[in-house]
């Protein structure tokens, strides 16, 4: 099958990471795959794969040019990532006479569902919580929703392998214990970062060697930067805000605990690093075997309601507990790394959605 993955851009984010990884997974399954995008840093993850990277302007006035360049390439189906791309994909699929399937990565409220008109006959989601939100007025009936999974590159995100060096000022005397947080610092997603900074004085009282690395950009980054500066003025350089990078796996192996949601939580566990789950919808807590499935269903605090709101107190309690019981949580993370590797490989995710793509391609031919 000839499959076109469409993702408006390949900046840092869950939908963007999914687009790159599902393209590679489908390529591994023997399909001919192209990825149409305006580009971005995650495009580097396609190097060495058989996926064709097609960079083109995707604004309304440039879409005709992109469609013209693709005409005759024999694509059977386009898989659009999220709402903005799906609007583009609907028009592109119509002009090229191919099937269309959209993949939804986040919940949609009533107003958002009312305003969206590009639902495909079958819709893929990567979380049961997303499926529940779509099966509502102006959305998509449950029998038209296929719940799939978020793929993890288990050749990259795994225990062992390269470990990042801590910042020089933290590495001179050794023994620093890294708390890692990676996120897009946007809207409600900025709250865990701010709560972590607020929790650091309490964490440092119990664990003087603790150091906080926050990796991310977004409209909330300046608030985080100001909070980090204020903390460092009081506690002498115990926190850093870093720019994102295409490969963060060495940071997971450097860290003793990651505060994370969504894809980042799974990546951290895949590297054998314990996770305290916290995201847009609240604080879930330390991830253990007993709580993994609940966290997985709600995307680790990103898509389903949590037992408590984000707060510095909750962060200090659960991050402190993981640091104090590092042996137990480390062993649990190593066990969960095996589970993530078995469940979330690129090929497994690709094989899961393959029948949906085949059905869309077949229906279009009829």
Protein backbone atom coordinates (compact mmCIF):
# COMPACT_ATOMS: atom_id res chain seq x y z
CA UNK A 1 0.00 0.00 0.00
CA UNK A 2 1.16 3.54 -0.78
CA UNK A 3 0.50 5.69 2.33
CA UNK A 4 0.86 9.44 2.77
CA UNK A 5 1.21 10.66 6.35
CA UNK A 6 0.26 14.33 6.67
CA UNK A 7 1.45 16.42 9.61
CA UNK A 8 1.44 20.19 9.25
CA UNK A 9 4.79 20.61 10.98
CA UNK A 10 7.37 18.46 12.74
CA UNK A 11 8.10 20.62 15.76
CA UNK A 12 8.29 19.21 19.27
CA UNK A 13 5.01 17.62 20.33
CA UNK A 14 3.09 14.38 20.70
CA UNK A 15 1.23 14.44 17.37
CA UNK A 16 4.43 15.34 15.55
CA UNK A 17 6.40 12.54 17.21
CA UNK A 18 3.58 10.12 16.37
CA UNK A 19 3.63 11.14 12.70
CA UNK A 20 7.34 10.39 12.36
CA UNK A 21 7.14 7.12 14.27
CA UNK A 22 4.02 5.72 12.61
CA UNK A 23 5.55 6.54 9.21
CA UNK A 24 8.63 4.54 10.14
CA UNK A 25 6.53 1.70 11.53
CA UNK A 26 4.48 1.44 8.34
CA UNK A 27 7.71 1.49 6.35
CA UNK A 28 9.00 -1.42 8.46
CA UNK A 29 5.79 -3.30 7.60
CA UNK A 30 6.67 -3.09 3.91
CA UNK A 31 4.48 -0.18 2.79
CA UNK A 32 5.71 2.70 0.65
CA UNK A 33 5.35 5.75 2.86
CA UNK A 34 5.67 9.48 2.33
CA UNK A 35 5.43 12.14 5.03
CA UNK A 36 4.07 15.50 3.85
CA UNK A 37 4.94 18.42 6.13
CA UNK A 38 6.24 21.96 6.25
CA UNK A 39 9.23 20.55 8.17
CA UNK A 40 10.73 20.82 11.63
CA UNK A 41 13.45 19.36 13.87
CA UNK A 42 11.81 15.93 14.25
CA UNK A 43 12.33 15.30 10.54
CA UNK A 44 15.83 14.17 11.52
CA UNK A 45 14.28 10.97 12.94
CA UNK A 46 13.45 9.86 9.38
CA UNK A 47 17.11 9.62 8.43
CA UNK A 48 18.08 6.07 7.57
CA UNK A 49 14.48 4.97 7.05
CA UNK A 50 12.69 4.29 3.80
CA UNK A 51 10.15 7.06 4.44
CA UNK A 52 10.14 9.81 1.81
CA UNK A 53 10.13 13.25 3.43
CA UNK A 54 8.05 15.66 1.31
CA UNK A 55 8.45 19.24 2.50
CA UNK A 56 5.94 21.67 1.03
CA UNK A 57 3.95 24.74 1.98
CA UNK A 58 0.54 23.64 3.24
CA UNK A 59 -1.29 26.96 3.51
CA UNK A 60 -4.49 27.23 1.49
CA UNK A 61 -2.86 29.17 -1.32
CA UNK A 62 0.00 26.67 -1.62
CA UNK A 63 -1.93 23.41 -1.27
CA UNK A 64 -2.73 23.21 -4.98
CA UNK A 65 1.00 23.20 -5.70
CA UNK A 66 1.55 20.35 -3.21
CA UNK A 67 -1.32 18.36 -4.72
CA UNK A 68 0.08 18.85 -8.22
CA UNK A 69 3.49 17.56 -7.14
CA UNK A 70 1.91 14.42 -5.64
CA UNK A 71 -0.39 13.65 -8.56
CA UNK A 72 0.68 10.45 -10.25
CA UNK A 73 2.62 9.13 -7.24
CA UNK A 74 -0.04 6.46 -6.71
CA UNK A 75 -0.94 7.09 -3.07
CA UNK A 76 -3.91 5.05 -1.86
CA UNK A 77 -4.67 6.78 1.44
CA UNK A 78 -3.68 9.83 3.46
CA UNK A 79 -3.46 9.65 7.26
CA UNK A 80 -3.76 13.18 8.69
CA UNK A 81 -2.49 13.94 12.17
CA UNK A 82 -4.89 15.97 14.28
CA UNK A 83 -7.44 18.63 13.37
CA UNK A 84 -5.45 21.22 11.44
CA UNK A 85 -3.82 18.59 9.26
CA UNK A 86 -7.15 16.81 8.76
CA UNK A 87 -8.67 19.88 7.12
CA UNK A 88 -5.76 19.93 4.70
CA UNK A 89 -5.94 16.14 4.23
CA UNK A 90 -9.64 16.23 3.36
CA UNK A 91 -9.02 18.63 0.50
CA UNK A 92 -5.88 16.83 -0.64
CA UNK A 93 -7.56 13.40 -0.61
CA UNK A 94 -10.46 14.79 -2.63
CA UNK A 95 -8.20 16.33 -5.26
CA UNK A 96 -6.03 13.22 -5.58
CA UNK A 97 -8.87 10.69 -5.37
CA UNK A 98 -7.56 8.71 -2.41
CA UNK A 99 -8.92 7.56 0.94
CA UNK A 100 -8.56 9.66 4.06
CA UNK A 101 -8.21 8.73 7.74
CA UNK A 102 -7.57 11.24 10.50
CA UNK A 103 -5.78 10.48 13.76
CA UNK A 104 -6.94 12.48 16.79
CA UNK A 105 -4.48 13.15 19.60
CA UNK A 106 -6.53 15.22 22.05
CA UNK A 107 -10.02 15.58 23.45
CA UNK A 108 -12.44 17.97 21.76
CA UNK A 109 -15.07 19.98 23.63
CA UNK A 110 -18.60 20.62 22.35
CA UNK A 111 -17.75 23.90 20.64
CA UNK A 112 -14.70 22.37 18.98
CA UNK A 113 -16.74 19.43 17.69
CA UNK A 114 -19.42 21.79 16.35
CA UNK A 115 -16.83 23.81 14.44
CA UNK A 116 -15.05 20.83 12.87
CA UNK A 117 -16.38 19.48 9.57
CA UNK A 118 -13.64 17.16 8.33
CA UNK A 119 -14.34 13.94 10.25
CA UNK A 120 -13.35 10.89 8.22
CA UNK A 121 -15.56 7.78 7.99
CA UNK A 122 -13.19 6.02 10.40
CA UNK A 123 -11.18 7.95 13.00
CA UNK A 124 -8.07 6.72 14.82
CA UNK A 125 -7.34 7.86 18.36
CA UNK A 126 -4.38 7.01 20.57
CA UNK A 127 -6.27 6.95 23.86
CA UNK A 128 -9.61 5.59 25.14
CA UNK A 129 -10.12 8.95 26.87
CA UNK A 130 -9.99 10.71 23.49
CA UNK A 131 -12.46 8.20 22.05
CA UNK A 132 -14.85 8.87 24.94
CA UNK A 133 -14.74 12.63 24.27
CA UNK A 134 -15.44 12.19 20.54
CA UNK A 135 -18.43 9.87 21.04
CA UNK A 136 -20.68 12.83 21.79
CA UNK A 137 -22.92 15.35 19.95
CA UNK A 138 -21.30 16.68 16.76
CA UNK A 139 -18.51 14.13 17.17
CA UNK A 140 -18.00 10.56 15.95
CA UNK A 141 -19.98 7.46 17.04
CA UNK A 142 -17.93 4.93 18.97
CA UNK A 143 -18.26 2.29 16.24
CA UNK A 144 -16.38 4.61 13.86
CA UNK A 145 -13.45 5.12 16.26
CA UNK A 146 -10.42 2.87 16.32
CA UNK A 147 -8.38 3.18 19.54
CA UNK A 148 -4.73 2.56 18.77
CA UNK A 149 -1.50 3.24 20.69
CA UNK A 150 1.38 5.69 20.85
CA UNK A 151 4.49 4.18 19.24
CA UNK A 152 7.84 4.28 21.01
CA UNK A 153 11.13 3.89 19.15
CA UNK A 154 12.47 1.13 21.38
CA UNK A 155 15.83 1.15 19.58
CA UNK A 156 16.32 4.68 20.90
CA UNK A 157 14.25 4.74 24.08
CA UNK A 158 15.55 1.78 26.07
CA UNK A 159 17.63 1.10 29.18
CA UNK A 160 21.34 1.43 28.53
CA UNK A 161 22.88 3.50 25.81
CA UNK A 162 24.31 7.04 26.00
CA UNK A 163 23.78 9.11 29.13
CA UNK A 164 23.84 12.89 28.98
CA UNK A 165 26.40 14.81 31.02
CA UNK A 166 24.90 17.00 33.73
CA UNK A 167 25.60 20.72 33.40
CA UNK A 168 29.23 21.33 34.34
CA UNK A 169 28.42 23.26 37.51
CA UNK A 170 26.41 20.29 38.76
CA UNK A 171 28.93 17.63 37.86
CA UNK A 172 32.06 18.85 39.59
CA UNK A 173 31.56 17.01 42.87
CA UNK A 174 29.35 14.26 41.43
CA UNK A 175 26.33 12.70 43.05
CA UNK A 176 23.68 15.17 41.89
CA UNK A 177 20.25 13.60 41.58
CA UNK A 178 18.45 14.85 38.50
CA UNK A 179 14.72 15.52 38.42
CA UNK A 180 13.69 15.84 34.75
CA UNK A 181 10.63 17.49 33.25
CA UNK A 182 10.03 17.62 29.47
CA UNK A 183 6.94 19.34 28.10
CA UNK A 184 5.53 21.90 25.73
CA UNK A 185 5.16 24.87 28.05
CA UNK A 186 1.74 25.92 26.79
CA UNK A 187 -1.59 26.67 28.46
CA UNK A 188 -2.37 24.18 31.23
CA UNK A 189 0.72 22.11 30.35
CA UNK A 190 2.91 24.75 31.99
CA UNK A 191 1.45 24.08 35.44
CA UNK A 192 3.54 20.96 36.29
CA UNK A 193 6.74 22.88 35.52
CA UNK A 194 5.75 25.76 37.78
CA UNK A 195 4.65 23.38 40.53
CA UNK A 196 7.97 21.54 40.31
CA UNK A 197 9.91 24.77 40.76
CA UNK A 198 7.69 25.57 43.73
CA UNK A 199 8.35 22.11 45.20
CA UNK A 200 12.13 22.30 44.98
CA UNK A 201 12.77 23.99 48.37
CA UNK A 202 10.94 21.16 50.15
CA UNK A 203 12.67 18.52 47.99
CA UNK A 204 16.07 20.09 48.68
CA UNK A 205 15.45 20.06 52.43
CA UNK A 206 15.16 16.27 52.23
CA UNK A 207 17.56 15.69 49.32
CA UNK A 208 20.24 18.43 49.10
CA UNK A 209 21.76 16.88 45.95
CA UNK A 210 18.51 17.19 43.96
CA UNK A 211 18.70 19.27 40.77
CA UNK A 212 15.88 20.15 38.38
CA UNK A 213 16.16 20.08 34.56
CA UNK A 214 13.17 21.45 32.65
CA UNK A 215 13.21 20.98 28.87
CA UNK A 216 10.67 22.81 26.77
CA UNK A 217 9.49 25.87 24.87
CA UNK A 218 6.16 27.60 24.49
CA UNK A 219 4.18 30.65 25.49
CA UNK A 220 4.59 29.75 29.15
CA UNK A 221 8.36 29.42 28.98
CA UNK A 222 9.00 32.95 30.22
CA UNK A 223 6.96 32.30 33.38
CA UNK A 224 9.02 29.16 33.99
CA UNK A 225 12.27 31.02 33.33
CA UNK A 226 11.32 33.69 35.88
CA UNK A 227 10.41 31.05 38.47
CA UNK A 228 13.70 29.22 37.87
CA UNK A 229 15.67 32.46 38.24
CA UNK A 230 13.93 33.28 41.53
CA UNK A 231 14.61 29.77 42.86
CA UNK A 232 18.27 29.90 41.85
CA UNK A 233 18.68 33.27 43.54
CA UNK A 234 17.58 31.65 46.81
CA UNK A 235 19.15 28.21 46.44
CA UNK A 236 22.25 28.80 44.29
CA UNK A 237 21.77 27.21 40.87
CA UNK A 238 19.59 24.16 41.51
CA UNK A 239 17.40 24.39 38.40
CA UNK A 240 17.89 24.87 34.66
CA UNK A 241 15.55 25.50 31.73
CA UNK A 242 16.89 23.92 28.52
CA UNK A 243 15.87 24.07 24.87
CA UNK A 244 14.29 20.93 23.38
CA UNK A 245 16.33 18.54 21.25
CA UNK A 246 15.36 15.78 18.79
CA UNK A 247 16.82 12.99 20.95
CA UNK A 248 16.14 13.27 24.70
CA UNK A 249 16.81 9.62 25.53
CA UNK A 250 20.20 10.40 27.17
CA UNK A 251 18.41 12.79 29.54
CA UNK A 252 16.06 10.02 30.73
CA UNK A 253 19.07 7.85 31.51
CA UNK A 254 20.70 10.72 33.38
CA UNK A 255 17.63 11.43 35.51
CA UNK A 256 16.60 9.68 38.68
CA UNK A 257 12.94 10.59 38.17
CA UNK A 258 10.95 12.22 35.36
CA UNK A 259 7.83 14.28 35.98
CA UNK A 260 5.86 13.69 32.81
CA UNK A 261 2.63 13.13 30.95
CA UNK A 262 1.64 11.54 27.63
CA UNK A 263 4.36 10.28 25.33
CA UNK A 264 7.13 11.59 27.59
CA UNK A 265 5.96 9.37 30.44
CA UNK A 266 6.16 6.30 28.21
CA UNK A 267 9.56 7.28 26.83
CA UNK A 268 10.97 7.74 30.33
CA UNK A 269 9.67 4.36 31.45
CA UNK A 270 11.03 2.79 28.25
CA UNK A 271 14.48 4.05 29.33
CA UNK A 272 13.99 2.59 32.81
CA UNK A 273 13.56 5.97 34.53
CA UNK A 274 10.78 6.21 37.18
CA UNK A 275 7.90 8.59 36.46
CA UNK A 276 5.71 10.88 38.50
CA UNK A 277 2.73 11.45 36.21
CA UNK A 278 1.26 14.97 36.04
CA UNK A 279 -0.31 16.77 33.11
CA UNK A 280 -3.01 19.13 31.87
CA UNK A 281 -5.77 17.52 33.91
CA UNK A 282 -4.01 17.03 37.21
CA UNK A 283 -1.57 15.06 39.31
CA UNK A 284 -1.66 11.25 39.05
CA UNK A 285 1.41 10.43 41.14
CA UNK A 286 4.26 7.94 41.04
CA UNK A 287 3.73 5.30 38.35
CA UNK A 288 3.98 1.71 39.56
CA UNK A 289 2.79 -1.59 38.19
CA UNK A 290 -0.57 -1.25 39.95
CA UNK A 291 -1.20 2.25 38.54
CA UNK A 292 0.30 1.85 35.08
CA UNK A 293 -2.89 0.77 33.30
CA UNK A 294 -4.92 3.60 34.81
CA UNK A 295 -2.22 6.07 33.79
CA UNK A 296 -2.01 4.58 30.31
CA UNK A 297 -5.75 4.98 29.73
CA UNK A 298 -5.72 8.66 30.66
CA UNK A 299 -2.37 9.39 28.98
CA UNK A 300 -0.73 9.87 32.37
CA UNK A 301 -2.59 13.00 33.40
CA UNK A 302 -3.03 14.53 29.97
CA UNK A 303 -6.45 13.24 28.89
CA UNK A 304 -8.38 11.96 31.92
CA UNK A 305 -9.22 13.48 35.28
CA UNK A 306 -6.72 12.82 38.08
CA UNK A 307 -7.14 12.23 41.83
CA UNK A 308 -5.81 15.68 42.74
CA UNK A 309 -4.87 18.99 41.11
CA UNK A 310 -1.36 20.06 40.23
CA UNK A 311 0.38 21.56 43.25
CA UNK A 312 3.84 22.08 44.70
CA UNK A 313 2.81 19.99 47.70
CA UNK A 314 1.86 16.97 45.55
CA UNK A 315 5.10 17.31 43.57
CA UNK A 316 7.24 17.49 46.70
CA UNK A 317 5.51 14.47 48.21
CA UNK A 318 5.74 12.13 45.20
CA UNK A 319 9.08 13.24 43.77
CA UNK A 320 10.54 13.06 47.27
CA UNK A 321 9.14 9.56 47.73
CA UNK A 322 10.74 8.33 44.48
CA UNK A 323 14.10 9.82 45.49
CA UNK A 324 13.90 8.33 48.99
CA UNK A 325 12.91 4.89 47.65
CA UNK A 326 15.09 4.99 44.54
CA UNK A 327 15.95 1.29 44.68
CA UNK A 328 12.34 0.15 44.68
CA UNK A 329 11.16 2.63 42.06
CA UNK A 330 14.19 1.94 39.88
CA UNK A 331 13.46 -1.78 39.89
CA UNK A 332 9.80 -1.10 39.09
CA UNK A 333 10.76 1.19 36.19
CA UNK A 334 13.07 -1.52 34.79
CA UNK A 335 10.15 -3.96 34.81
CA UNK A 336 7.84 -1.41 33.16
CA UNK A 337 10.51 -0.77 30.50
CA UNK A 338 10.00 -4.35 29.33
CA UNK A 339 6.23 -3.84 29.22
CA UNK A 340 6.53 -0.63 27.19
CA UNK A 341 8.95 -2.26 24.75
CA UNK A 342 6.61 -5.20 24.22
CA UNK A 343 3.47 -3.10 23.81
CA UNK A 344 4.48 0.12 22.06
CA UNK A 345 6.99 -0.71 19.34
CA UNK A 346 6.80 1.11 16.01
CA UNK A 347 5.81 -2.01 14.10
CA UNK A 348 3.12 -2.96 16.62
CA UNK A 349 1.49 0.46 16.29
CA UNK A 350 1.68 0.31 12.49
CA UNK A 351 0.17 -3.18 12.32
CA UNK A 352 -2.65 -2.02 14.59
CA UNK A 353 -3.82 0.77 12.25
CA UNK A 354 -3.01 -1.02 8.98
CA UNK A 355 -6.52 -2.53 8.58
CA UNK A 356 -8.11 0.92 9.03
CA UNK A 357 -5.92 2.39 6.31
CA UNK A 358 -6.58 -0.55 3.98
CA UNK A 359 -10.33 -0.17 4.46
CA UNK A 360 -10.21 3.55 3.62
CA UNK A 361 -8.10 2.91 0.52
CA UNK A 362 -10.43 0.14 -0.63
CA UNK A 363 -13.59 2.18 -0.09
CA UNK A 364 -12.16 5.05 -2.09
CA UNK A 365 -11.52 2.77 -5.08
CA UNK A 366 -15.17 1.73 -5.02
